[in-house]
Amino acid sequence: MTDDYPPAPRLPLLTLAEARDAVRHLFLLEQLDLSPRGAAAGQLGSELAMRLPAN
């Protein structure tokens, strides 16, 4: 092995609350941006929301 891990600590995974906030922001972006980019944000939000627990 020639490379080593970076010296900076790795960031923790998102909490459930942070993930839900991210999904809400993606849905908001979908409403505000009527371009294909906004539609893509909504699609990503939908896909992520399906992966989150209901409660």
Protein backbone atom coordinates (compact mmCIF):
# COMPACT_ATOMS: atom_id res chain seq x y z
CA MET A 1 0.00 0.00 0.00
CA THR A 2 1.51 3.32 -1.03
CA ASP A 3 -1.11 5.79 0.18
CA ASP A 4 -2.22 6.56 3.68
CA TYR A 5 -5.48 7.85 5.11
CA PRO A 6 -5.86 11.64 5.17
CA PRO A 7 -4.85 13.25 8.47
CA ALA A 8 -8.18 15.10 8.86
CA PRO A 9 -10.88 13.24 10.81
CA ARG A 10 -13.75 11.86 8.80
CA LEU A 11 -17.11 13.56 9.08
CA PRO A 12 -19.85 11.62 10.90
CA LEU A 13 -22.88 10.27 9.08
CA LEU A 14 -25.98 12.42 8.92
CA THR A 15 -28.45 12.14 11.75
CA LEU A 16 -32.05 11.28 10.90
CA ALA A 17 -33.11 14.86 11.60
CA GLU A 18 -30.40 16.21 9.28
CA ALA A 19 -31.40 13.78 6.54
CA ARG A 20 -35.05 14.85 6.82
CA ASP A 21 -34.00 18.50 6.64
CA ALA A 22 -32.01 17.76 3.49
CA VAL A 23 -35.04 16.08 1.90
CA ARG A 24 -37.24 19.06 2.80
CA HIS A 25 -34.71 21.42 1.23
CA LEU A 26 -34.64 19.34 -1.95
CA PHE A 27 -38.44 19.50 -2.19
CA LEU A 28 -38.32 23.25 -1.61
CA LEU A 29 -35.71 23.63 -4.32
CA GLU A 30 -37.99 21.67 -6.67
CA GLN A 31 -40.79 24.18 -6.04
CA LEU A 32 -38.58 27.24 -6.44
CA ASP A 33 -36.52 26.13 -9.45
CA LEU A 34 -38.74 25.31 -12.42
CA SER A 35 -35.80 24.19 -14.54
CA PRO A 36 -34.75 20.56 -15.04
CA ARG A 37 -32.36 21.03 -12.14
CA GLY A 38 -35.30 21.66 -9.80
CA ALA A 39 -37.07 18.57 -11.11
CA ALA A 40 -33.90 16.56 -10.48
CA ALA A 41 -33.76 17.88 -6.91
CA GLY A 42 -37.34 16.73 -6.35
CA GLN A 43 -36.57 13.29 -7.78
CA LEU A 44 -33.54 12.96 -5.53
CA GLY A 45 -35.62 14.09 -2.55
CA SER A 46 -38.23 11.45 -3.33
CA GLU A 47 -35.63 8.71 -3.62
CA LEU A 48 -33.95 9.73 -0.37
CA ALA A 49 -37.27 10.03 1.48
CA MET A 50 -38.11 6.42 0.61
CA ARG A 51 -34.90 5.32 2.33
CA LEU A 52 -35.65 7.12 5.62
CA PRO A 53 -37.62 5.48 8.40
CA ALA A 54 -41.19 6.72 8.82
CA ASN A 55 -40.73 7.65 12.49
